[in-house]
Amino acid sequence: MSSEFALISRYFSRPVPAGMLGGGDDCALFPVPPGRQLATSIDLLLAGTHFFPDVDPAALGHKSLAVNLSDLAAMGAEPVSCVLGLALPRVDEAWVAAFADGFYALADRWGCPLVGGDTTRGECLTVSVTVFGVVAPERALRRGGARAGDDIWVSGRLGAADIALRLMQGRLPAEPDRLSRCRGALERPEPQVALGLALAGLAHAAIDLSDGLLQDLGHILAASRCGADLDYASLPADPALAGLPEACVREALLAGGDVYQLCFTAAQADRAAVERAAAQAGAPVTRIGRIAAEPGARVHLPDGTLLAGMAGGFDHFRETSS
């Protein structure tokens, strides 16, 4: 059986760019360009809580980095490097090799080299990733910058990851074809790094949608001390939701988590600039509402009425998502 150090050497010790010091010392070293601030974020993924124990290891390698890169995207930060912590109930070298391949494929794509980490034995398969990025202070996207009158935008499509989760948990009737169309959104989300970089200095506030649109937008509203009016008919539903009951679709769009798209606000006068930035990033965006001075989030239905009774999204300290 491979030792901890043999595993690290074999699967997680690829060369790092010049000017950096990766694995092999007590700490990694990497430069921060003059005039930039360091942006960092950490996420834990636990088997049975954040992913199914039998998940494809390459997909898990991808997702474990993707959810962290999504945080950098929400700040308008450029990825610089990352570190990885891995707790394994047992050593399965084929599993580790596939996980590493999925992880490195995304790391290489976004120029985010792995510069260190740790492995250990643990009862529960656990993945911890910390990412580092850089951003000019005046261009950083924060949650507290939304202003009354701002447009509210969202990137990509909503709902597919939530439907995949419910199908896999048996909370929806089995539909293999629908699951095949939704599963990638859950297990291989694409972080919107290019869009975040394009919006830096343009958007007023931003957040990534990890826990559901209403809950995550609520963080912007709380930090910015404002409210929002959302147009339900404008929400960009994933085509894979077609044919599902309306209540199911509504919950997926408004409260479904694991989306990893960006929700952001920008001045109405900058609509054309936002669309150009999105086109530059190759990321479709949709205007879904407007920031208001009156506190609270109001969802306007197509018939002109307000949606009542919709709870927020995922909370790690509740037993189930809403």
C-alpha atoms as a PDB file:
ATOM      1  CA  MET A   1       0.000   0.000   0.000  1.00  0.00           C
ATOM      2  CA  SER A   2       1.294   3.471  -0.865  1.00  0.00           C
ATOM      3  CA  SER A   3       2.385   5.776   1.940  1.00  0.00           C
ATOM      4  CA  GLU A   4       1.054   9.319   2.311  1.00  0.00           C
ATOM      5  CA  PHE A   5       4.235  10.767   0.820  1.00  0.00           C
ATOM      6  CA  ALA A   6       4.242   8.305  -2.069  1.00  0.00           C
ATOM      7  CA  LEU A   7       0.647   9.292  -2.929  1.00  0.00           C
ATOM      8  CA  ILE A   8       1.531  12.979  -2.878  1.00  0.00           C
ATOM      9  CA  SER A   9       4.646  12.432  -4.956  1.00  0.00           C
ATOM     10  CA  ARG A  10       2.888  10.246  -7.515  1.00  0.00           C
ATOM     11  CA  TYR A  11      -0.358  12.163  -8.020  1.00  0.00           C
ATOM     12  CA  PHE A  12      -0.064  15.700  -6.635  1.00  0.00           C
ATOM     13  CA  SER A  13       3.494  16.880  -7.347  1.00  0.00           C
ATOM     14  CA  ARG A  14       3.424  18.336 -10.830  1.00  0.00           C
ATOM     15  CA  PRO A  15       5.742  21.238 -11.708  1.00  0.00           C
ATOM     16  CA  VAL A  16       4.636  24.758 -10.785  1.00  0.00           C
ATOM     17  CA  PRO A  17       5.364  27.946 -12.765  1.00  0.00           C
ATOM     18  CA  ALA A  18       8.677  29.741 -12.421  1.00  0.00           C
ATOM     19  CA  GLY A  19       8.760  32.069  -9.440  1.00  0.00           C
ATOM     20  CA  MET A  20       6.650  29.753  -7.270  1.00  0.00           C
ATOM     21  CA  LEU A  21       7.660  27.144  -4.717  1.00  0.00           C
ATOM     22  CA  GLY A  22       5.320  24.174  -4.566  1.00  0.00           C
ATOM     23  CA  GLY A  23       5.299  20.941  -2.576  1.00  0.00           C
ATOM     24  CA  GLY A  24       8.375  19.751  -0.745  1.00  0.00           C
ATOM     25  CA  ASP A  25       8.826  22.598   1.739  1.00  0.00           C
ATOM     26  CA  ASP A  26       6.840  23.529   4.820  1.00  0.00           C
ATOM     27  CA  CYS A  27       5.006  26.272   2.929  1.00  0.00           C
ATOM     28  CA  ALA A  28       4.302  27.148  -0.678  1.00  0.00           C
ATOM     29  CA  LEU A  29       5.559  30.468  -1.997  1.00  0.00           C
ATOM     30  CA  PHE A  30       4.013  32.558  -4.748  1.00  0.00           C
ATOM     31  CA  PRO A  31       4.252  36.254  -5.655  1.00  0.00           C
ATOM     32  CA  VAL A  32       1.467  38.843  -5.456  1.00  0.00           C
ATOM     33  CA  PRO A  33       1.796  41.474  -8.210  1.00  0.00           C
ATOM     34  CA  PRO A  34       2.248  45.087  -7.067  1.00  0.00           C
ATOM     35  CA  GLY A  35      -1.023  46.962  -6.643  1.00  0.00           C
ATOM     36  CA  ARG A  36      -3.085  43.780  -6.210  1.00  0.00           C
ATOM     37  CA  GLN A  37      -4.750  42.295  -3.164  1.00  0.00           C
ATOM     38  CA  LEU A  38      -4.769  38.592  -2.359  1.00  0.00           C
ATOM     39  CA  ALA A  39      -8.191  36.923  -2.593  1.00  0.00           C
ATOM     40  CA  THR A  40      -8.613  33.532  -0.950  1.00  0.00           C
ATOM     41  CA  SER A  41     -11.440  31.080  -0.308  1.00  0.00           C
ATOM     42  CA  ILE A  42     -11.799  27.590   1.144  1.00  0.00           C
ATOM     43  CA  ASP A  43     -14.470  24.916   0.693  1.00  0.00           C
ATOM     44  CA  LEU A  44     -15.003  21.533   2.311  1.00  0.00           C
ATOM     45  CA  LEU A  45     -16.727  18.721   0.421  1.00  0.00           C
ATOM     46  CA  LEU A  46     -17.851  15.713   2.495  1.00  0.00           C
ATOM     47  CA  ALA A  47     -19.091  12.388   1.145  1.00  0.00           C
ATOM     48  CA  GLY A  48     -22.799  12.023   1.826  1.00  0.00           C
ATOM     49  CA  THR A  49     -23.256  15.767   2.369  1.00  0.00           C
ATOM     50  CA  HIS A  50     -21.845  17.425  -0.756  1.00  0.00           C
ATOM     51  CA  PHE A  51     -21.488  14.464  -3.092  1.00  0.00           C
ATOM     52  CA  PHE A  52     -22.604  10.869  -3.400  1.00  0.00           C
ATOM     53  CA  PRO A  53     -19.981   8.372  -2.187  1.00  0.00           C
ATOM     54  CA  ASP A  54     -19.959   6.610  -5.578  1.00  0.00           C
ATOM     55  CA  VAL A  55     -19.379   9.809  -7.590  1.00  0.00           C
ATOM     56  CA  ASP A  56     -17.009   9.578 -10.538  1.00  0.00           C
ATOM     57  CA  PRO A  57     -13.650  10.599  -9.007  1.00  0.00           C
ATOM     58  CA  ALA A  58     -12.643  12.699 -12.022  1.00  0.00           C
ATOM     59  CA  ALA A  59     -15.889  14.655 -11.671  1.00  0.00           C
ATOM     60  CA  LEU A  60     -15.227  15.131  -7.953  1.00  0.00           C
ATOM     61  CA  GLY A  61     -11.703  16.362  -8.680  1.00  0.00           C
ATOM     62  CA  HIS A  62     -13.173  18.877 -11.111  1.00  0.00           C
ATOM     63  CA  LYS A  63     -15.935  20.038  -8.771  1.00  0.00           C
ATOM     64  CA  SER A  64     -13.720  20.353  -5.703  1.00  0.00           C
ATOM     65  CA  LEU A  65     -11.699  23.031  -7.488  1.00  0.00           C
ATOM     66  CA  ALA A  66     -14.614  24.485  -9.477  1.00  0.00           C
ATOM     67  CA  VAL A  67     -16.578  25.534  -6.388  1.00  0.00           C
ATOM     68  CA  ASN A  68     -13.554  27.477  -5.147  1.00  0.00           C
ATOM     69  CA  LEU A  69     -12.784  29.078  -8.502  1.00  0.00           C
ATOM     70  CA  SER A  70     -16.419  30.187  -8.507  1.00  0.00           C
ATOM     71  CA  ASP A  71     -15.737  32.195  -5.341  1.00  0.00           C
ATOM     72  CA  LEU A  72     -12.810  33.932  -7.047  1.00  0.00           C
ATOM     73  CA  ALA A  73     -15.061  34.650 -10.026  1.00  0.00           C
ATOM     74  CA  ALA A  74     -17.602  36.314  -7.740  1.00  0.00           C
ATOM     75  CA  MET A  75     -14.852  38.682  -6.542  1.00  0.00           C
ATOM     76  CA  GLY A  76     -13.532  39.436 -10.033  1.00  0.00           C
ATOM     77  CA  ALA A  77     -10.223  37.844  -9.001  1.00  0.00           C
ATOM     78  CA  GLU A  78      -7.689  36.127 -11.235  1.00  0.00           C
ATOM     79  CA  PRO A  79      -6.680  32.613 -10.048  1.00  0.00           C
ATOM     80  CA  VAL A  80      -3.044  32.255  -8.941  1.00  0.00           C
ATOM     81  CA  SER A  81      -2.695  28.942  -7.094  1.00  0.00           C
ATOM     82  CA  CYS A  82      -4.422  26.429  -4.838  1.00  0.00           C
ATOM     83  CA  VAL A  83      -3.775  23.877  -2.095  1.00  0.00           C
ATOM     84  CA  LEU A  84      -5.565  20.580  -1.509  1.00  0.00           C
ATOM     85  CA  GLY A  85      -6.415  18.572   1.595  1.00  0.00           C
ATOM     86  CA  LEU A  86      -7.660  15.020   1.117  1.00  0.00           C
ATOM     87  CA  ALA A  87      -8.903  12.586   3.798  1.00  0.00           C
ATOM     88  CA  LEU A  88      -9.310   9.030   2.486  1.00  0.00           C
ATOM     89  CA  PRO A  89     -10.960   6.099   4.293  1.00  0.00           C
ATOM     90  CA  ARG A  90      -8.645   3.815   2.308  1.00  0.00           C
ATOM     91  CA  VAL A  91      -6.109   4.103  -0.486  1.00  0.00           C
ATOM     92  CA  ASP A  92      -7.432   3.278  -3.944  1.00  0.00           C
ATOM     93  CA  GLU A  93      -4.767   4.410  -6.387  1.00  0.00           C
ATOM     94  CA  ALA A  94      -7.033   4.193  -9.443  1.00  0.00           C
ATOM     95  CA  TRP A  95      -9.534   6.468  -7.656  1.00  0.00           C
ATOM     96  CA  VAL A  96      -6.812   8.936  -6.619  1.00  0.00           C
ATOM     97  CA  ALA A  97      -5.364   9.004 -10.145  1.00  0.00           C
ATOM     98  CA  ALA A  98      -8.767   9.802 -11.674  1.00  0.00           C
ATOM     99  CA  PHE A  99      -9.461  12.458  -9.023  1.00  0.00           C
ATOM    100  CA  ALA A 100      -6.085  14.083  -9.722  1.00  0.00           C
ATOM    101  CA  ASP A 101      -6.726  14.065 -13.476  1.00  0.00           C
ATOM    102  CA  GLY A 102     -10.067  15.849 -13.031  1.00  0.00           C
ATOM    103  CA  PHE A 103      -8.555  18.350 -10.614  1.00  0.00           C
ATOM    104  CA  TYR A 104      -5.521  19.170 -12.757  1.00  0.00           C
ATOM    105  CA  ALA A 105      -7.546  19.465 -15.966  1.00  0.00           C
ATOM    106  CA  LEU A 106      -9.511  22.376 -14.498  1.00  0.00           C
ATOM    107  CA  ALA A 107      -6.480  23.829 -12.694  1.00  0.00           C
ATOM    108  CA  ASP A 108      -4.517  23.904 -15.948  1.00  0.00           C
ATOM    109  CA  ARG A 109      -7.420  25.479 -17.822  1.00  0.00           C
ATOM    110  CA  TRP A 110      -7.580  28.448 -15.436  1.00  0.00           C
ATOM    111  CA  GLY A 111      -3.878  28.794 -14.626  1.00  0.00           C
ATOM    112  CA  CYS A 112      -4.334  27.768 -10.998  1.00  0.00           C
ATOM    113  CA  PRO A 113      -1.431  25.427 -10.151  1.00  0.00           C
ATOM    114  CA  LEU A 114      -1.567  23.136  -7.140  1.00  0.00           C
ATOM    115  CA  VAL A 115       1.272  24.302  -4.879  1.00  0.00           C
ATOM    116  CA  GLY A 116       0.761  22.178  -1.772  1.00  0.00           C
ATOM    117  CA  GLY A 117      -1.580  20.306   0.498  1.00  0.00           C
ATOM    118  CA  ASP A 118      -1.981  17.295   2.752  1.00  0.00           C
ATOM    119  CA  THR A 119      -3.385  13.772   2.718  1.00  0.00           C
ATOM    120  CA  THR A 120      -4.491  11.694   5.674  1.00  0.00           C
ATOM    121  CA  ARG A 121      -6.645   8.719   6.609  1.00  0.00           C
ATOM    122  CA  GLY A 122     -10.171   9.621   7.690  1.00  0.00           C
ATOM    123  CA  GLU A 123     -13.458   7.822   8.307  1.00  0.00           C
ATOM    124  CA  CYS A 124     -15.296  10.062   5.815  1.00  0.00           C
ATOM    125  CA  LEU A 125     -13.971  10.925   2.355  1.00  0.00           C
ATOM    126  CA  THR A 126     -13.334  14.659   2.641  1.00  0.00           C
ATOM    127  CA  VAL A 127     -11.889  17.159   0.169  1.00  0.00           C
ATOM    128  CA  SER A 128     -10.700  20.606   1.219  1.00  0.00           C
ATOM    129  CA  VAL A 129      -9.453  23.109  -1.357  1.00  0.00           C
ATOM    130  CA  THR A 130      -8.136  26.610  -0.747  1.00  0.00           C
ATOM    131  CA  VAL A 131      -7.675  28.909  -3.719  1.00  0.00           C
ATOM    132  CA  PHE A 132      -5.678  32.105  -4.027  1.00  0.00           C
ATOM    133  CA  GLY A 133      -6.292  34.871  -6.531  1.00  0.00           C
ATOM    134  CA  VAL A 134      -5.368  38.500  -7.084  1.00  0.00           C
ATOM    135  CA  VAL A 135      -7.465  41.541  -7.830  1.00  0.00           C
ATOM    136  CA  ALA A 136      -6.910  45.296  -7.931  1.00  0.00           C
ATOM    137  CA  PRO A 137      -8.651  46.701  -4.819  1.00  0.00           C
ATOM    138  CA  GLU A 138     -10.706  49.231  -6.776  1.00  0.00           C
ATOM    139  CA  ARG A 139     -11.972  46.521  -9.150  1.00  0.00           C
ATOM    140  CA  ALA A 140     -12.920  43.843  -6.600  1.00  0.00           C
ATOM    141  CA  LEU A 141     -16.553  42.750  -6.687  1.00  0.00           C
ATOM    142  CA  ARG A 142     -18.188  42.679  -3.258  1.00  0.00           C
ATOM    143  CA  ARG A 143     -21.617  41.851  -1.904  1.00  0.00           C
ATOM    144  CA  GLY A 144     -22.150  45.270  -0.385  1.00  0.00           C
ATOM    145  CA  GLY A 145     -22.055  47.473  -3.479  1.00  0.00           C
ATOM    146  CA  ALA A 146     -25.591  47.132  -4.897  1.00  0.00           C
ATOM    147  CA  ARG A 147     -27.462  50.407  -5.393  1.00  0.00           C
ATOM    148  CA  ALA A 148     -31.154  51.165  -5.758  1.00  0.00           C
ATOM    149  CA  GLY A 149     -32.029  51.171  -9.447  1.00  0.00           C
ATOM    150  CA  ASP A 150     -29.339  48.638 -10.396  1.00  0.00           C
ATOM    151  CA  ASP A 151     -30.260  45.848 -12.778  1.00  0.00           C
ATOM    152  CA  ILE A 152     -29.965  42.346 -11.346  1.00  0.00           C
ATOM    153  CA  TRP A 153     -28.332  39.846 -13.692  1.00  0.00           C
ATOM    154  CA  VAL A 154     -27.633  36.136 -13.602  1.00  0.00           C
ATOM    155  CA  SER A 155     -25.342  34.095 -15.816  1.00  0.00           C
ATOM    156  CA  GLY A 156     -26.101  30.770 -17.451  1.00  0.00           C
ATOM    157  CA  ARG A 157     -29.147  28.619 -16.743  1.00  0.00           C
ATOM    158  CA  LEU A 158     -30.780  27.720 -13.442  1.00  0.00           C
ATOM    159  CA  GLY A 159     -32.327  24.629 -11.923  1.00  0.00           C
ATOM    160  CA  ALA A 160     -30.625  21.609 -13.514  1.00  0.00           C
ATOM    161  CA  ALA A 161     -28.345  20.771 -10.578  1.00  0.00           C
ATOM    162  CA  ASP A 162     -31.255  20.819  -8.143  1.00  0.00           C
ATOM    163  CA  ILE A 163     -33.316  18.502 -10.339  1.00  0.00           C
ATOM    164  CA  ALA A 164     -30.379  16.119 -10.743  1.00  0.00           C
ATOM    165  CA  LEU A 165     -29.968  15.980  -6.958  1.00  0.00           C
ATOM    166  CA  ARG A 166     -33.652  15.259  -6.376  1.00  0.00           C
ATOM    167  CA  LEU A 167     -33.686  12.560  -9.051  1.00  0.00           C
ATOM    168  CA  MET A 168     -30.624  10.890  -7.564  1.00  0.00           C
ATOM    169  CA  GLN A 169     -32.110  11.059  -4.066  1.00  0.00           C
ATOM    170  CA  GLY A 170     -35.377   9.517  -5.279  1.00  0.00           C
ATOM    171  CA  ARG A 171     -37.387  12.631  -4.391  1.00  0.00           C
ATOM    172  CA  LEU A 172     -38.654  12.786  -7.981  1.00  0.00           C
ATOM    173  CA  PRO A 173     -39.938   9.892 -10.111  1.00  0.00           C
ATOM    174  CA  ALA A 174     -37.098   8.210 -11.978  1.00  0.00           C
ATOM    175  CA  GLU A 175     -36.411   9.725 -15.407  1.00  0.00           C
ATOM    176  CA  PRO A 176     -33.069   8.444 -16.746  1.00  0.00           C
ATOM    177  CA  ASP A 177     -33.081  10.751 -19.758  1.00  0.00           C
ATOM    178  CA  ARG A 178     -33.753  13.868 -17.682  1.00  0.00           C
ATOM    179  CA  LEU A 179     -31.081  12.816 -15.186  1.00  0.00           C
ATOM    180  CA  SER A 180     -28.525  12.407 -17.967  1.00  0.00           C
ATOM    181  CA  ARG A 181     -29.288  15.974 -19.127  1.00  0.00           C
ATOM    182  CA  CYS A 182     -29.065  17.448 -15.610  1.00  0.00           C
ATOM    183  CA  ARG A 183     -26.294  15.465 -13.941  1.00  0.00           C
ATOM    184  CA  GLY A 184     -23.383  17.365 -15.439  1.00  0.00           C
ATOM    185  CA  ALA A 185     -24.662  20.602 -13.901  1.00  0.00           C
ATOM    186  CA  LEU A 186     -24.494  18.979 -10.461  1.00  0.00           C
ATOM    187  CA  GLU A 187     -21.241  17.057 -10.759  1.00  0.00           C
ATOM    188  CA  ARG A 188     -19.205  19.173 -13.204  1.00  0.00           C
ATOM    189  CA  PRO A 189     -20.177  22.826 -12.707  1.00  0.00           C
ATOM    190  CA  GLU A 190     -18.276  25.387 -14.760  1.00  0.00           C
ATOM    191  CA  PRO A 191     -16.902  28.297 -12.699  1.00  0.00           C
ATOM    192  CA  GLN A 192     -17.549  31.642 -14.368  1.00  0.00           C
ATOM    193  CA  VAL A 193     -13.989  32.927 -13.991  1.00  0.00           C
ATOM    194  CA  ALA A 194     -13.843  34.720 -17.331  1.00  0.00           C
ATOM    195  CA  LEU A 195     -17.121  36.511 -16.643  1.00  0.00           C
ATOM    196  CA  GLY A 196     -15.987  37.590 -13.186  1.00  0.00           C
ATOM    197  CA  LEU A 197     -12.804  39.064 -14.642  1.00  0.00           C
ATOM    198  CA  ALA A 198     -14.775  40.849 -17.363  1.00  0.00           C
ATOM    199  CA  LEU A 199     -17.195  42.330 -14.793  1.00  0.00           C
ATOM    200  CA  ALA A 200     -14.494  43.553 -12.398  1.00  0.00           C
ATOM    201  CA  GLY A 201     -14.797  47.301 -12.105  1.00  0.00           C
ATOM    202  CA  LEU A 202     -18.153  47.238 -13.946  1.00  0.00           C
ATOM    203  CA  ALA A 203     -20.592  45.357 -11.719  1.00  0.00           C
ATOM    204  CA  HIS A 204     -21.511  46.938  -8.392  1.00  0.00           C
ATOM    205  CA  ALA A 205     -22.008  43.691  -6.423  1.00  0.00           C
ATOM    206  CA  ALA A 206     -21.724  39.990  -7.140  1.00  0.00           C
ATOM    207  CA  ILE A 207     -22.074  36.545  -5.590  1.00  0.00           C
ATOM    208  CA  ASP A 208     -21.882  32.988  -6.865  1.00  0.00           C
ATOM    209  CA  LEU A 209     -25.035  30.902  -6.624  1.00  0.00           C
ATOM    210  CA  SER A 210     -24.014  27.982  -4.453  1.00  0.00           C
ATOM    211  CA  ASP A 211     -27.058  27.853  -2.161  1.00  0.00           C
ATOM    212  CA  GLY A 212     -29.917  29.088  -4.341  1.00  0.00           C
ATOM    213  CA  LEU A 213     -30.892  32.345  -6.040  1.00  0.00           C
ATOM    214  CA  LEU A 214     -33.090  33.775  -3.295  1.00  0.00           C
ATOM    215  CA  GLN A 215     -30.712  32.884  -0.482  1.00  0.00           C
ATOM    216  CA  ASP A 216     -27.565  34.101  -2.221  1.00  0.00           C
ATOM    217  CA  LEU A 217     -29.172  37.269  -3.590  1.00  0.00           C
ATOM    218  CA  GLY A 218     -30.337  37.813  -0.019  1.00  0.00           C
ATOM    219  CA  HIS A 219     -26.686  38.059   1.036  1.00  0.00           C
ATOM    220  CA  ILE A 220     -26.189  40.915  -1.444  1.00  0.00           C
ATOM    221  CA  LEU A 221     -29.339  42.642  -0.189  1.00  0.00           C
ATOM    222  CA  ALA A 222     -28.282  42.315   3.447  1.00  0.00           C
ATOM    223  CA  ALA A 223     -24.751  43.578   2.787  1.00  0.00           C
ATOM    224  CA  SER A 224     -26.018  46.428   0.587  1.00  0.00           C
ATOM    225  CA  ARG A 225     -28.973  47.293   2.838  1.00  0.00           C
ATOM    226  CA  CYS A 226     -31.482  47.254   0.027  1.00  0.00           C
ATOM    227  CA  GLY A 227     -34.182  45.088  -1.548  1.00  0.00           C
ATOM    228  CA  ALA A 228     -35.018  43.524  -4.880  1.00  0.00           C
ATOM    229  CA  ASP A 229     -37.866  43.017  -7.310  1.00  0.00           C
ATOM    230  CA  LEU A 230     -37.449  39.884  -9.429  1.00  0.00           C
ATOM    231  CA  ASP A 231     -39.343  39.066 -12.620  1.00  0.00           C
ATOM    232  CA  TYR A 232     -40.074  35.356 -12.403  1.00  0.00           C
ATOM    233  CA  ALA A 233     -40.791  35.065 -16.123  1.00  0.00           C
ATOM    234  CA  SER A 234     -37.264  36.292 -16.876  1.00  0.00           C
ATOM    235  CA  LEU A 235     -35.461  33.589 -14.904  1.00  0.00           C
ATOM    236  CA  PRO A 236     -33.353  31.510 -17.335  1.00  0.00           C
ATOM    237  CA  ALA A 237     -34.543  27.955 -16.731  1.00  0.00           C
ATOM    238  CA  ASP A 238     -32.389  25.109 -17.999  1.00  0.00           C
ATOM    239  CA  PRO A 239     -34.171  23.364 -20.925  1.00  0.00           C
ATOM    240  CA  ALA A 240     -33.918  20.069 -19.021  1.00  0.00           C
ATOM    241  CA  LEU A 241     -36.643  21.331 -16.655  1.00  0.00           C
ATOM    242  CA  ALA A 242     -39.269  21.345 -19.418  1.00  0.00           C
ATOM    243  CA  GLY A 243     -42.289  19.198 -18.579  1.00  0.00           C
ATOM    244  CA  LEU A 244     -41.817  19.180 -14.799  1.00  0.00           C
ATOM    245  CA  PRO A 245     -44.615  20.419 -12.502  1.00  0.00           C
ATOM    246  CA  GLU A 246     -44.579  24.183 -12.053  1.00  0.00           C
ATOM    247  CA  ALA A 247     -44.058  23.969  -8.285  1.00  0.00           C
ATOM    248  CA  CYS A 248     -41.010  21.775  -8.852  1.00  0.00           C
ATOM    249  CA  VAL A 249     -39.575  24.169 -11.446  1.00  0.00           C
ATOM    250  CA  ARG A 250     -40.223  27.166  -9.223  1.00  0.00           C
ATOM    251  CA  GLU A 251     -38.344  25.617  -6.315  1.00  0.00           C
ATOM    252  CA  ALA A 252     -35.442  24.610  -8.568  1.00  0.00           C
ATOM    253  CA  LEU A 253     -35.116  28.120 -10.030  1.00  0.00           C
ATOM    254  CA  LEU A 254     -35.447  30.100  -6.830  1.00  0.00           C
ATOM    255  CA  ALA A 255     -34.052  27.804  -4.136  1.00  0.00           C
ATOM    256  CA  GLY A 256     -32.003  25.151  -5.934  1.00  0.00           C
ATOM    257  CA  GLY A 257     -28.318  25.153  -5.028  1.00  0.00           C
ATOM    258  CA  ASP A 258     -25.076  23.956  -6.640  1.00  0.00           C
ATOM    259  CA  VAL A 259     -25.568  26.345  -9.561  1.00  0.00           C
ATOM    260  CA  TYR A 260     -22.172  28.136  -9.503  1.00  0.00           C
ATOM    261  CA  GLN A 261     -23.354  30.841 -11.846  1.00  0.00           C
ATOM    262  CA  LEU A 262     -22.909  34.514 -10.979  1.00  0.00           C
ATOM    263  CA  CYS A 263     -25.641  36.831  -9.755  1.00  0.00           C
ATOM    264  CA  PHE A 264     -24.590  40.470  -9.973  1.00  0.00           C
ATOM    265  CA  THR A 265     -25.902  44.006 -10.113  1.00  0.00           C
ATOM    266  CA  ALA A 266     -24.915  46.865 -12.385  1.00  0.00           C
ATOM    267  CA  ALA A 267     -26.193  50.308 -13.309  1.00  0.00           C
ATOM    268  CA  GLN A 268     -28.980  50.443 -15.885  1.00  0.00           C
ATOM    269  CA  ALA A 269     -26.819  52.814 -17.910  1.00  0.00           C
ATOM    270  CA  ASP A 270     -24.228  50.029 -18.223  1.00  0.00           C
ATOM    271  CA  ARG A 271     -26.494  47.405 -19.812  1.00  0.00           C
ATOM    272  CA  ALA A 272     -24.625  47.496 -23.113  1.00  0.00           C
ATOM    273  CA  ALA A 273     -21.276  47.293 -21.320  1.00  0.00           C
ATOM    274  CA  VAL A 274     -22.475  44.268 -19.326  1.00  0.00           C
ATOM    275  CA  GLU A 275     -23.593  42.542 -22.499  1.00  0.00           C
ATOM    276  CA  ARG A 276     -20.244  43.245 -24.140  1.00  0.00           C
ATOM    277  CA  ALA A 277     -18.395  41.889 -21.104  1.00  0.00           C
ATOM    278  CA  ALA A 278     -20.522  38.742 -21.143  1.00  0.00           C
ATOM    279  CA  ALA A 279     -19.932  38.259 -24.867  1.00  0.00           C
ATOM    280  CA  GLN A 280     -16.197  38.726 -24.313  1.00  0.00           C
ATOM    281  CA  ALA A 281     -16.309  36.031 -21.622  1.00  0.00           C
ATOM    282  CA  GLY A 282     -18.485  33.704 -23.703  1.00  0.00           C
ATOM    283  CA  ALA A 283     -21.051  33.637 -20.874  1.00  0.00           C
ATOM    284  CA  PRO A 284     -24.746  34.295 -21.546  1.00  0.00           C
ATOM    285  CA  VAL A 285     -26.365  36.630 -19.006  1.00  0.00           C
ATOM    286  CA  THR A 286     -29.993  37.535 -18.309  1.00  0.00           C
ATOM    287  CA  ARG A 287     -31.556  40.547 -16.607  1.00  0.00           C
ATOM    288  CA  ILE A 288     -33.926  39.204 -13.957  1.00  0.00           C
ATOM    289  CA  GLY A 289     -34.942  42.232 -11.913  1.00  0.00           C
ATOM    290  CA  ARG A 290     -33.961  45.437 -10.208  1.00  0.00           C
ATOM    291  CA  ILE A 291     -32.484  46.538  -6.892  1.00  0.00           C
ATOM    292  CA  ALA A 292     -34.946  48.566  -4.800  1.00  0.00           C
ATOM    293  CA  ALA A 293     -34.606  50.783  -1.755  1.00  0.00           C
ATOM    294  CA  GLU A 294     -37.384  48.880   0.053  1.00  0.00           C
ATOM    295  CA  PRO A 295     -35.908  45.910   1.964  1.00  0.00           C
ATOM    296  CA  GLY A 296     -36.765  42.323   1.066  1.00  0.00           C
ATOM    297  CA  ALA A 297     -36.888  40.249  -2.108  1.00  0.00           C
ATOM    298  CA  ARG A 298     -40.164  40.251  -4.010  1.00  0.00           C
ATOM    299  CA  VAL A 299     -40.812  37.781  -6.840  1.00  0.00           C
ATOM    300  CA  HIS A 300     -43.316  39.068  -9.390  1.00  0.00           C
ATOM    301  CA  LEU A 301     -45.229  36.290 -11.151  1.00  0.00           C
ATOM    302  CA  PRO A 302     -46.405  36.547 -14.786  1.00  0.00           C
ATOM    303  CA  ASP A 303     -49.991  37.306 -13.686  1.00  0.00           C
ATOM    304  CA  GLY A 304     -48.821  40.360 -11.743  1.00  0.00           C
ATOM    305  CA  THR A 305     -49.131  38.840  -8.283  1.00  0.00           C
ATOM    306  CA  LEU A 306     -46.316  38.413  -5.776  1.00  0.00           C
ATOM    307  CA  LEU A 307     -45.023  34.959  -4.924  1.00  0.00           C
ATOM    308  CA  ALA A 308     -45.664  34.084  -1.285  1.00  0.00           C
ATOM    309  CA  GLY A 309     -44.146  31.448   0.952  1.00  0.00           C
ATOM    310  CA  MET A 310     -40.928  30.624  -0.929  1.00  0.00           C
ATOM    311  CA  ALA A 311     -38.128  29.829   1.508  1.00  0.00           C
ATOM    312  CA  GLY A 312     -34.417  30.209   0.900  1.00  0.00           C
ATOM    313  CA  GLY A 313     -31.888  27.700  -0.362  1.00  0.00           C
ATOM    314  CA  PHE A 314     -29.461  25.205   1.129  1.00  0.00           C
ATOM    315  CA  ASP A 315     -28.273  25.479   4.732  1.00  0.00           C
ATOM    316  CA  HIS A 316     -25.645  23.057   6.082  1.00  0.00           C
ATOM    317  CA  PHE A 317     -27.283  23.093   9.512  1.00  0.00           C
ATOM    318  CA  ARG A 318     -30.752  22.159   8.307  1.00  0.00           C
ATOM    319  CA  GLU A 319     -31.378  18.517   7.517  1.00  0.00           C
ATOM    320  CA  THR A 320     -32.627  19.179   3.990  1.00  0.00           C
ATOM    321  CA  SER A 321     -32.657  22.008   1.505  1.00  0.00           C
ATOM    322  CA  SER A 322     -35.956  23.818   1.096  1.00  0.00           C
END
